[in-house]
C-alpha atoms as a PDB file:
ATOM      1  CA  MET A   1       0.000   0.000   0.000  1.00  0.00           C
ATOM      2  CA  ASP A   2       1.229   3.478  -0.905  1.00  0.00           C
ATOM      3  CA  LEU A   3       1.054   6.338   1.610  1.00  0.00           C
ATOM      4  CA  LYS A   4      -0.687   8.492  -0.961  1.00  0.00           C
ATOM      5  CA  ASP A   5      -3.701   6.160  -0.630  1.00  0.00           C
ATOM      6  CA  ILE A   6      -4.081   6.891   3.088  1.00  0.00           C
ATOM      7  CA  ASP A   7      -6.003   9.880   4.434  1.00  0.00           C
ATOM      8  CA  LEU A   8      -4.270  11.030   7.623  1.00  0.00           C
ATOM      9  CA  ASN A   9      -7.676  11.790   9.175  1.00  0.00           C
ATOM     10  CA  LEU A  10      -8.541   8.101   8.989  1.00  0.00           C
ATOM     11  CA  LEU A  11      -5.553   7.285  11.187  1.00  0.00           C
ATOM     12  CA  VAL A  12      -6.652   9.948  13.678  1.00  0.00           C
ATOM     13  CA  VAL A  13     -10.046   8.260  13.892  1.00  0.00           C
ATOM     14  CA  PHE A  14      -8.330   4.882  14.278  1.00  0.00           C
ATOM     15  CA  GLN A  15      -6.266   6.171  17.211  1.00  0.00           C
ATOM     16  CA  ARG A  16      -9.342   7.579  18.955  1.00  0.00           C
ATOM     17  CA  LEU A  17     -11.210   4.291  18.531  1.00  0.00           C
ATOM     18  CA  ILE A  18      -8.244   2.418  20.018  1.00  0.00           C
ATOM     19  CA  THR A  19      -8.442   4.743  23.037  1.00  0.00           C
ATOM     20  CA  GLU A  20     -12.193   5.173  23.443  1.00  0.00           C
ATOM     21  CA  ARG A  21     -13.439   1.773  22.185  1.00  0.00           C
ATOM     22  CA  ARG A  22     -16.811   3.354  21.363  1.00  0.00           C
ATOM     23  CA  VAL A  23     -17.892   5.148  18.194  1.00  0.00           C
ATOM     24  CA  SER A  24     -19.929   7.709  20.144  1.00  0.00           C
ATOM     25  CA  ALA A  25     -17.040   8.588  22.489  1.00  0.00           C
ATOM     26  CA  ALA A  26     -14.545   8.805  19.603  1.00  0.00           C
ATOM     27  CA  ALA A  27     -16.935  11.075  17.688  1.00  0.00           C
ATOM     28  CA  ALA A  28     -17.395  13.365  20.692  1.00  0.00           C
ATOM     29  CA  SER A  29     -13.658  13.692  21.332  1.00  0.00           C
ATOM     30  CA  LEU A  30     -12.979  14.481  17.668  1.00  0.00           C
ATOM     31  CA  GLY A  31     -15.902  16.862  17.265  1.00  0.00           C
ATOM     32  CA  LEU A  32     -17.449  14.650  14.592  1.00  0.00           C
ATOM     33  CA  THR A  33     -20.802  12.953  14.166  1.00  0.00           C
ATOM     34  CA  GLN A  34     -21.155   9.238  14.806  1.00  0.00           C
ATOM     35  CA  PRO A  35     -21.977   8.570  11.114  1.00  0.00           C
ATOM     36  CA  ALA A  36     -18.739  10.372  10.135  1.00  0.00           C
ATOM     37  CA  VAL A  37     -16.682   8.142  12.421  1.00  0.00           C
ATOM     38  CA  SER A  38     -18.496   5.033  11.194  1.00  0.00           C
ATOM     39  CA  ASN A  39     -17.826   6.071   7.588  1.00  0.00           C
ATOM     40  CA  ALA A  40     -14.128   6.631   8.362  1.00  0.00           C
ATOM     41  CA  LEU A  41     -13.925   3.164   9.924  1.00  0.00           C
ATOM     42  CA  LYS A  42     -15.598   1.651   6.864  1.00  0.00           C
ATOM     43  CA  ARG A  43     -13.019   3.299   4.582  1.00  0.00           C
ATOM     44  CA  LEU A  44     -10.149   2.054   6.753  1.00  0.00           C
ATOM     45  CA  ARG A  45     -11.522  -1.512   6.695  1.00  0.00           C
ATOM     46  CA  LEU A  46     -11.539  -1.427   2.900  1.00  0.00           C
ATOM     47  CA  LEU A  47      -8.065   0.066   2.631  1.00  0.00           C
ATOM     48  CA  LEU A  48      -6.465  -2.318   5.140  1.00  0.00           C
ATOM     49  CA  ASP A  49      -8.571  -5.350   4.289  1.00  0.00           C
ATOM     50  CA  ASP A  50      -9.287  -6.068   7.936  1.00  0.00           C
ATOM     51  CA  GLU A  51     -12.280  -5.664  10.228  1.00  0.00           C
ATOM     52  CA  LEU A  52     -10.076  -3.710  12.654  1.00  0.00           C
ATOM     53  CA  PHE A  53     -12.753  -3.408  15.409  1.00  0.00           C
ATOM     54  CA  ILE A  54     -15.337  -5.966  16.511  1.00  0.00           C
ATOM     55  CA  ARG A  55     -18.467  -4.761  18.286  1.00  0.00           C
ATOM     56  CA  THR A  56     -18.799  -6.523  21.672  1.00  0.00           C
ATOM     57  CA  ALA A  57     -20.588  -5.935  24.977  1.00  0.00           C
ATOM     58  CA  ARG A  58     -17.451  -4.194  26.216  1.00  0.00           C
ATOM     59  CA  GLY A  59     -17.318  -1.886  23.193  1.00  0.00           C
ATOM     60  CA  MET A  60     -15.273  -1.928  20.001  1.00  0.00           C
ATOM     61  CA  GLU A  61     -12.514  -4.499  20.501  1.00  0.00           C
ATOM     62  CA  PRO A  62      -9.492  -4.252  18.162  1.00  0.00           C
ATOM     63  CA  THR A  63      -8.576  -7.200  16.017  1.00  0.00           C
ATOM     64  CA  PRO A  64      -5.049  -8.636  16.315  1.00  0.00           C
ATOM     65  CA  TYR A  65      -4.045  -6.612  13.217  1.00  0.00           C
ATOM     66  CA  ALA A  66      -5.477  -3.392  14.714  1.00  0.00           C
ATOM     67  CA  ALA A  67      -3.665  -4.060  17.993  1.00  0.00           C
ATOM     68  CA  GLN A  68      -0.454  -4.551  16.023  1.00  0.00           C
ATOM     69  CA  LEU A  69      -0.963  -1.179  14.288  1.00  0.00           C
ATOM     70  CA  ALA A  70      -1.933   0.765  17.406  1.00  0.00           C
ATOM     71  CA  GLU A  71       1.525   1.582  18.766  1.00  0.00           C
ATOM     72  CA  PRO A  72       3.293   2.597  15.493  1.00  0.00           C
ATOM     73  CA  ILE A  73       0.311   4.704  14.378  1.00  0.00           C
ATOM     74  CA  ALA A  74       0.171   6.487  17.750  1.00  0.00           C
ATOM     75  CA  TYR A  75       3.921   7.116  17.574  1.00  0.00           C
ATOM     76  CA  ALA A  76       3.708   8.449  14.007  1.00  0.00           C
ATOM     77  CA  LEU A  77       0.786  10.776  14.763  1.00  0.00           C
ATOM     78  CA  ASN A  78       2.488  12.120  17.879  1.00  0.00           C
ATOM     79  CA  ALA A  79       5.672  12.771  15.898  1.00  0.00           C
ATOM     80  CA  ILE A  80       3.748  14.623  13.204  1.00  0.00           C
ATOM     81  CA  HIS A  81       1.845  16.650  15.796  1.00  0.00           C
ATOM     82  CA  SER A  82       5.045  17.603  17.625  1.00  0.00           C
ATOM     83  CA  SER A  83       6.802  18.587  14.419  1.00  0.00           C
ATOM     84  CA  LEU A  84       3.945  20.779  13.220  1.00  0.00           C
ATOM     85  CA  ASN A  85       3.656  22.542  16.560  1.00  0.00           C
ATOM     86  CA  GLN A  86       7.358  22.915  17.245  1.00  0.00           C
ATOM     87  CA  ARG A  87       8.618  26.492  17.409  1.00  0.00           C
ATOM     88  CA  SER A  88      12.356  27.063  17.468  1.00  0.00           C
ATOM     89  CA  THR A  89      13.576  29.547  20.028  1.00  0.00           C
ATOM     90  CA  PHE A  90      16.631  31.764  20.259  1.00  0.00           C
ATOM     91  CA  ASP A  91      18.167  33.008  23.473  1.00  0.00           C
ATOM     92  CA  PRO A  92      20.858  35.584  22.621  1.00  0.00           C
ATOM     93  CA  ALA A  93      22.219  35.553  26.183  1.00  0.00           C
ATOM     94  CA  THR A  94      23.300  31.901  25.925  1.00  0.00           C
ATOM     95  CA  SER A  95      23.577  31.286  22.178  1.00  0.00           C
ATOM     96  CA  THR A  96      26.963  30.433  20.625  1.00  0.00           C
ATOM     97  CA  ARG A  97      25.626  31.000  17.106  1.00  0.00           C
ATOM     98  CA  LYS A  98      27.911  32.417  14.415  1.00  0.00           C
ATOM     99  CA  PHE A  99      26.142  34.848  12.082  1.00  0.00           C
ATOM    100  CA  THR A 100      27.390  35.973   8.686  1.00  0.00           C
ATOM    101  CA  ILE A 101      26.486  39.418   7.353  1.00  0.00           C
ATOM    102  CA  SER A 102      27.074  40.556   3.796  1.00  0.00           C
ATOM    103  CA  MET A 103      28.113  44.211   3.541  1.00  0.00           C
ATOM    104  CA  THR A 104      30.727  46.569   2.133  1.00  0.00           C
ATOM    105  CA  ASP A 105      33.627  47.969   4.113  1.00  0.00           C
ATOM    106  CA  LEU A 106      31.507  51.117   4.512  1.00  0.00           C
ATOM    107  CA  GLY A 107      28.936  49.029   6.337  1.00  0.00           C
ATOM    108  CA  GLU A 108      31.644  47.580   8.561  1.00  0.00           C
ATOM    109  CA  ILE A 109      32.952  51.041   9.443  1.00  0.00           C
ATOM    110  CA  ASP A 110      29.479  52.381  10.166  1.00  0.00           C
ATOM    111  CA  LEU A 111      27.788  49.405  11.792  1.00  0.00           C
ATOM    112  CA  MET A 112      30.315  47.136  13.461  1.00  0.00           C
ATOM    113  CA  PRO A 113      31.422  49.339  16.386  1.00  0.00           C
ATOM    114  CA  ARG A 114      27.826  49.799  17.559  1.00  0.00           C
ATOM    115  CA  LEU A 115      26.789  46.244  16.771  1.00  0.00           C
ATOM    116  CA  MET A 116      29.677  44.730  18.710  1.00  0.00           C
ATOM    117  CA  ASP A 117      28.786  46.910  21.708  1.00  0.00           C
ATOM    118  CA  ARG A 118      25.268  45.461  21.580  1.00  0.00           C
ATOM    119  CA  LEU A 119      26.568  41.910  21.377  1.00  0.00           C
ATOM    120  CA  ALA A 120      28.868  42.412  24.354  1.00  0.00           C
ATOM    121  CA  THR A 121      25.897  43.060  26.631  1.00  0.00           C
ATOM    122  CA  GLU A 122      23.072  41.117  24.966  1.00  0.00           C
ATOM    123  CA  ALA A 123      24.773  38.148  23.294  1.00  0.00           C
ATOM    124  CA  PRO A 124      28.291  37.695  24.706  1.00  0.00           C
ATOM    125  CA  PHE A 125      28.867  34.278  23.106  1.00  0.00           C
ATOM    126  CA  VAL A 126      27.538  35.133  19.634  1.00  0.00           C
ATOM    127  CA  THR A 127      30.173  35.698  16.942  1.00  0.00           C
ATOM    128  CA  LEU A 128      29.977  37.508  13.605  1.00  0.00           C
ATOM    129  CA  SER A 129      31.739  37.355  10.271  1.00  0.00           C
ATOM    130  CA  THR A 130      31.294  39.557   7.221  1.00  0.00           C
ATOM    131  CA  VAL A 131      31.469  38.901   3.493  1.00  0.00           C
ATOM    132  CA  ARG A 132      31.230  41.283   0.562  1.00  0.00           C
ATOM    133  CA  ASN A 133      27.785  41.779  -0.968  1.00  0.00           C
ATOM    134  CA  THR A 134      29.171  41.838  -4.499  1.00  0.00           C
ATOM    135  CA  LEU A 135      29.477  38.045  -4.515  1.00  0.00           C
ATOM    136  CA  ASP A 136      27.856  36.524  -7.602  1.00  0.00           C
ATOM    137  CA  HIS A 137      26.443  33.695  -5.525  1.00  0.00           C
ATOM    138  CA  LEU A 138      25.091  35.900  -2.715  1.00  0.00           C
ATOM    139  CA  ALA A 139      21.435  35.050  -3.402  1.00  0.00           C
ATOM    140  CA  HIS A 140      22.214  31.323  -3.356  1.00  0.00           C
ATOM    141  CA  ALA A 141      24.332  31.662  -0.209  1.00  0.00           C
ATOM    142  CA  MET A 142      21.480  33.452   1.596  1.00  0.00           C
ATOM    143  CA  GLU A 143      18.929  30.866   0.468  1.00  0.00           C
ATOM    144  CA  ALA A 144      21.220  28.113   1.760  1.00  0.00           C
ATOM    145  CA  GLY A 145      21.632  29.887   5.109  1.00  0.00           C
ATOM    146  CA  GLN A 146      25.364  30.487   4.607  1.00  0.00           C
ATOM    147  CA  VAL A 147      24.774  34.256   4.785  1.00  0.00           C
ATOM    148  CA  ASP A 148      22.115  35.396   7.255  1.00  0.00           C
ATOM    149  CA  VAL A 149      21.438  38.984   6.138  1.00  0.00           C
ATOM    150  CA  ALA A 150      22.812  41.521   3.670  1.00  0.00           C
ATOM    151  CA  VAL A 151      23.163  45.261   4.148  1.00  0.00           C
ATOM    152  CA  GLY A 152      23.460  47.813   1.358  1.00  0.00           C
ATOM    153  CA  LEU A 153      22.169  48.511  -2.116  1.00  0.00           C
ATOM    154  CA  VAL A 154      21.981  44.994  -3.533  1.00  0.00           C
ATOM    155  CA  PRO A 155      19.867  45.001  -6.705  1.00  0.00           C
ATOM    156  CA  GLN A 156      20.362  41.291  -7.376  1.00  0.00           C
ATOM    157  CA  LEU A 157      18.314  40.353  -4.287  1.00  0.00           C
ATOM    158  CA  LYS A 158      14.756  40.463  -5.609  1.00  0.00           C
ATOM    159  CA  THR A 159      12.467  37.427  -5.854  1.00  0.00           C
ATOM    160  CA  GLY A 160      12.371  35.421  -2.634  1.00  0.00           C
ATOM    161  CA  PHE A 161      13.801  38.166  -0.425  1.00  0.00           C
ATOM    162  CA  PHE A 162      12.407  40.590   2.127  1.00  0.00           C
ATOM    163  CA  GLN A 163      13.961  43.987   2.706  1.00  0.00           C
ATOM    164  CA  ARG A 164      13.720  46.838   5.189  1.00  0.00           C
ATOM    165  CA  ARG A 165      14.936  50.383   4.696  1.00  0.00           C
ATOM    166  CA  LEU A 166      17.733  51.372   7.061  1.00  0.00           C
ATOM    167  CA  PHE A 167      18.437  54.903   5.854  1.00  0.00           C
ATOM    168  CA  LEU A 168      18.791  57.160   2.825  1.00  0.00           C
ATOM    169  CA  GLN A 169      22.380  57.900   1.906  1.00  0.00           C
ATOM    170  CA  ARG A 170      23.588  61.028   0.150  1.00  0.00           C
ATOM    171  CA  TYR A 171      27.037  61.720  -1.233  1.00  0.00           C
ATOM    172  CA  VAL A 172      29.413  64.547  -0.316  1.00  0.00           C
ATOM    173  CA  CYS A 173      32.856  65.704  -1.353  1.00  0.00           C
ATOM    174  CA  MET A 174      35.632  65.209   1.215  1.00  0.00           C
ATOM    175  CA  PHE A 175      39.150  66.670   1.453  1.00  0.00           C
ATOM    176  CA  ARG A 176      41.799  67.601   4.011  1.00  0.00           C
ATOM    177  CA  ALA A 177      41.568  70.736   6.110  1.00  0.00           C
ATOM    178  CA  GLY A 178      43.543  73.491   4.395  1.00  0.00           C
ATOM    179  CA  HIS A 179      42.901  72.158   0.905  1.00  0.00           C
ATOM    180  CA  GLU A 180      42.639  74.906  -1.737  1.00  0.00           C
ATOM    181  CA  VAL A 181      38.867  74.380  -1.876  1.00  0.00           C
ATOM    182  CA  ASP A 182      38.545  74.617   1.903  1.00  0.00           C
ATOM    183  CA  GLY A 183      36.465  77.695   2.714  1.00  0.00           C
ATOM    184  CA  ARG A 184      35.525  78.284  -0.936  1.00  0.00           C
ATOM    185  CA  LYS A 185      32.347  77.259  -2.740  1.00  0.00           C
ATOM    186  CA  LEU A 186      33.000  73.944  -4.425  1.00  0.00           C
ATOM    187  CA  THR A 187      31.650  74.433  -7.937  1.00  0.00           C
ATOM    188  CA  ALA A 188      31.443  71.756 -10.617  1.00  0.00           C
ATOM    189  CA  LYS A 189      34.389  73.383 -12.401  1.00  0.00           C
ATOM    190  CA  ARG A 190      36.591  73.323  -9.300  1.00  0.00           C
ATOM    191  CA  PHE A 191      35.519  69.742  -8.686  1.00  0.00           C
ATOM    192  CA  PHE A 192      36.585  68.579 -12.146  1.00  0.00           C
ATOM    193  CA  ASP A 193      39.771  70.661 -12.078  1.00  0.00           C
ATOM    194  CA  ALA A 194      40.915  69.031  -8.828  1.00  0.00           C
ATOM    195  CA  SER A 195      42.699  65.691  -8.525  1.00  0.00           C
ATOM    196  CA  HIS A 196      40.755  62.745  -7.154  1.00  0.00           C
ATOM    197  CA  VAL A 197      41.004  59.401  -5.435  1.00  0.00           C
ATOM    198  CA  VAL A 198      38.218  57.091  -6.561  1.00  0.00           C
ATOM    199  CA  VAL A 199      36.907  53.973  -4.875  1.00  0.00           C
ATOM    200  CA  VAL A 200      36.024  51.310  -7.449  1.00  0.00           C
ATOM    201  CA  SER A 201      33.113  49.299  -6.047  1.00  0.00           C
ATOM    202  CA  GLN A 202      31.470  47.379  -8.856  1.00  0.00           C
ATOM    203  CA  GLY A 203      27.948  46.151  -8.137  1.00  0.00           C
ATOM    204  CA  THR A 204      27.291  48.707  -5.393  1.00  0.00           C
ATOM    205  CA  GLY A 205      25.419  51.993  -5.157  1.00  0.00           C
ATOM    206  CA  HIS A 206      28.734  53.804  -5.092  1.00  0.00           C
ATOM    207  CA  ALA A 207      29.579  52.489  -8.555  1.00  0.00           C
ATOM    208  CA  ARG A 208      26.347  54.043  -9.806  1.00  0.00           C
ATOM    209  CA  MET A 209      27.455  57.433  -8.418  1.00  0.00           C
ATOM    210  CA  ASP A 210      30.719  57.181 -10.367  1.00  0.00           C
ATOM    211  CA  GLU A 211      28.779  56.523 -13.558  1.00  0.00           C
ATOM    212  CA  ILE A 212      26.715  59.671 -13.026  1.00  0.00           C
ATOM    213  CA  ILE A 213      29.812  61.756 -12.304  1.00  0.00           C
ATOM    214  CA  GLU A 214      31.534  60.485 -15.461  1.00  0.00           C
ATOM    215  CA  SER A 215      28.471  61.459 -17.486  1.00  0.00           C
ATOM    216  CA  LYS A 216      28.896  65.081 -16.312  1.00  0.00           C
ATOM    217  CA  GLY A 217      32.607  65.501 -16.993  1.00  0.00           C
ATOM    218  CA  THR A 218      36.073  64.000 -16.693  1.00  0.00           C
ATOM    219  CA  ARG A 219      37.839  63.912 -13.347  1.00  0.00           C
ATOM    220  CA  ARG A 220      41.599  63.964 -12.929  1.00  0.00           C
ATOM    221  CA  VAL A 221      41.790  60.577 -11.225  1.00  0.00           C
ATOM    222  CA  LEU A 222      45.249  60.063  -9.785  1.00  0.00           C
ATOM    223  CA  LEU A 223      44.444  57.001  -7.683  1.00  0.00           C
ATOM    224  CA  THR A 224      41.850  54.231  -7.616  1.00  0.00           C
ATOM    225  CA  VAL A 225      41.408  51.882  -4.660  1.00  0.00           C
ATOM    226  CA  PRO A 226      39.066  48.913  -4.157  1.00  0.00           C
ATOM    227  CA  HIS A 227      37.653  49.992  -0.794  1.00  0.00           C
ATOM    228  CA  PHE A 228      37.144  52.936   1.547  1.00  0.00           C
ATOM    229  CA  VAL A 229      39.394  51.790   4.386  1.00  0.00           C
ATOM    230  CA  ALA A 230      42.423  53.792   3.214  1.00  0.00           C
ATOM    231  CA  VAL A 231      40.587  56.860   1.877  1.00  0.00           C
ATOM    232  CA  GLY A 232      40.820  58.831   5.120  1.00  0.00           C
ATOM    233  CA  HIS A 233      44.560  58.214   5.397  1.00  0.00           C
ATOM    234  CA  ILE A 234      45.111  59.145   1.759  1.00  0.00           C
ATOM    235  CA  LEU A 235      43.116  62.379   1.847  1.00  0.00           C
ATOM    236  CA  SER A 236      44.747  63.564   5.054  1.00  0.00           C
ATOM    237  CA  THR A 237      48.195  63.788   3.413  1.00  0.00           C
ATOM    238  CA  THR A 238      47.338  64.705  -0.198  1.00  0.00           C
ATOM    239  CA  ASP A 239      45.509  67.381  -2.176  1.00  0.00           C
ATOM    240  CA  MET A 240      42.993  64.946  -3.652  1.00  0.00           C
ATOM    241  CA  LEU A 241      39.223  64.999  -3.309  1.00  0.00           C
ATOM    242  CA  ALA A 242      36.950  62.008  -2.839  1.00  0.00           C
ATOM    243  CA  THR A 243      33.249  61.476  -3.425  1.00  0.00           C
ATOM    244  CA  VAL A 244      32.018  59.525  -0.412  1.00  0.00           C
ATOM    245  CA  PRO A 245      28.798  58.710   1.426  1.00  0.00           C
ATOM    246  CA  GLU A 246      27.952  61.305   4.051  1.00  0.00           C
ATOM    247  CA  ARG A 247      27.895  58.780   6.904  1.00  0.00           C
ATOM    248  CA  TYR A 248      31.474  57.801   6.075  1.00  0.00           C
ATOM    249  CA  ALA A 249      32.497  61.468   5.958  1.00  0.00           C
ATOM    250  CA  LEU A 250      30.976  62.107   9.374  1.00  0.00           C
ATOM    251  CA  ARG A 251      32.949  59.229  10.904  1.00  0.00           C
ATOM    252  CA  SER A 252      36.229  60.039   9.138  1.00  0.00           C
ATOM    253  CA  ALA A 253      36.388  63.830   9.415  1.00  0.00           C
ATOM    254  CA  GLY A 254      37.522  64.014  13.040  1.00  0.00           C
ATOM    255  CA  PRO A 255      40.106  61.204  13.163  1.00  0.00           C
ATOM    256  CA  PHE A 256      41.798  62.279   9.924  1.00  0.00           C
ATOM    257  CA  GLY A 257      41.414  66.068  10.045  1.00  0.00           C
ATOM    258  CA  LEU A 258      39.102  66.139   7.030  1.00  0.00           C
ATOM    259  CA  LYS A 259      36.249  68.311   5.897  1.00  0.00           C
ATOM    260  CA  HIS A 260      33.269  67.623   3.673  1.00  0.00           C
ATOM    261  CA  VAL A 261      30.822  69.775   1.743  1.00  0.00           C
ATOM    262  CA  PRO A 262      27.672  69.111  -0.298  1.00  0.00           C
ATOM    263  CA  HIS A 263      28.538  67.588  -3.621  1.00  0.00           C
ATOM    264  CA  PRO A 264      28.600  70.106  -6.486  1.00  0.00           C
ATOM    265  CA  LEU A 265      26.855  67.658  -8.828  1.00  0.00           C
ATOM    266  CA  PRO A 266      23.193  66.633  -8.468  1.00  0.00           C
ATOM    267  CA  LEU A 267      23.719  63.092  -7.233  1.00  0.00           C
ATOM    268  CA  PRO A 268      20.670  61.094  -6.137  1.00  0.00           C
ATOM    269  CA  THR A 269      20.231  59.724  -2.646  1.00  0.00           C
ATOM    270  CA  VAL A 270      20.556  55.964  -2.320  1.00  0.00           C
ATOM    271  CA  GLY A 271      18.374  53.722  -0.178  1.00  0.00           C
ATOM    272  CA  ILE A 272      20.401  51.378   2.026  1.00  0.00           C
ATOM    273  CA  ASN A 273      18.370  48.315   2.962  1.00  0.00           C
ATOM    274  CA  LEU A 274      18.565  45.201   5.092  1.00  0.00           C
ATOM    275  CA  PHE A 275      17.860  41.984   3.137  1.00  0.00           C
ATOM    276  CA  TRP A 276      16.992  38.458   4.242  1.00  0.00           C
ATOM    277  CA  HIS A 277      15.699  35.362   2.478  1.00  0.00           C
ATOM    278  CA  ALA A 278      12.033  34.432   2.770  1.00  0.00           C
ATOM    279  CA  LYS A 279      13.003  30.969   4.082  1.00  0.00           C
ATOM    280  CA  PHE A 280      14.234  32.574   7.304  1.00  0.00           C
ATOM    281  CA  HIS A 281      11.562  35.253   7.663  1.00  0.00           C
ATOM    282  CA  ARG A 282      10.094  33.599  10.787  1.00  0.00           C
ATOM    283  CA  ASP A 283      13.324  32.144  12.142  1.00  0.00           C
ATOM    284  CA  PRO A 284      13.790  33.567  15.675  1.00  0.00           C
ATOM    285  CA  ALA A 285      17.580  33.856  15.362  1.00  0.00           C
ATOM    286  CA  ASN A 286      17.325  35.670  12.040  1.00  0.00           C
ATOM    287  CA  GLN A 287      14.596  37.932  13.424  1.00  0.00           C
ATOM    288  CA  TRP A 288      16.794  38.853  16.381  1.00  0.00           C
ATOM    289  CA  LEU A 289      19.758  39.632  14.129  1.00  0.00           C
ATOM    290  CA  ARG A 290      17.622  41.791  11.828  1.00  0.00           C
ATOM    291  CA  ASN A 291      16.259  43.751  14.761  1.00  0.00           C
ATOM    292  CA  ILE A 292      19.630  44.583  16.302  1.00  0.00           C
ATOM    293  CA  VAL A 293      21.108  45.516  12.904  1.00  0.00           C
ATOM    294  CA  PHE A 294      18.165  47.834  12.285  1.00  0.00           C
ATOM    295  CA  GLU A 295      18.368  49.374  15.752  1.00  0.00           C
ATOM    296  CA  SER A 296      22.140  49.838  15.453  1.00  0.00           C
ATOM    297  CA  PHE A 297      21.810  51.742  12.185  1.00  0.00           C
ATOM    298  CA  VAL A 298      18.887  53.954  13.132  1.00  0.00           C
ATOM    299  CA  GLY A 299      19.884  54.423  16.758  1.00  0.00           C
END
């Protein structure tokens, strides 16, 4: 016999009859009518080719075959019931879970100091690792649970993903204090006449900003780097300009003696979002991680 031929409800009725030994009592406990229980028993007798229950003065007595089935059916139904009603839990105070977050180095600079402070008090045994969100296989890695959430402008994460806006990011122009444009209005002409360091970040929102700038004119690019980590150091000792997100400028200005002004070109703001795969939408651990990432960015 194939499992597809068995209606699970028939096994539920069977289990109640094993327990109650009376059609009326089984019907009452299941919230069914007596004819419905009798009909279910009739169907089971046909499927299993056995009488299953014999009507006696003591009630419905199981046949040897029914008695043989009673324990495995009860075990199977209990296992199914437990599985369907199981809810995983997550206790950050005791968890030793390792989470992986996809983000750029900008995200690390902006988020990680605050996020690690939160973990120190709320989840002292939880560990984090980061990967770049330009990975070609990011969507697959998130679906497989290898990456828990992604932060940034990640256009490839569409079908099958949820997202939540963290903030709107605008771009500014940054340079060292005492630069020739310091204290003067930074016009488009002065911007294009100056020398620049450019961060090449393919597949990110920053790359889109570079495309817009190039459509307006030609910069004197003296240096290109693959990330933002060194930009503050470079600007502090050179006469180059850099187009950077405002949040990065706010964090870098003080430590490196830099200044920033509104960008002279009409660059659009960029929405920075938090992404997670639909498979883990109701996962308590993933929900907790999403909440603290959100609170760390907007706090």
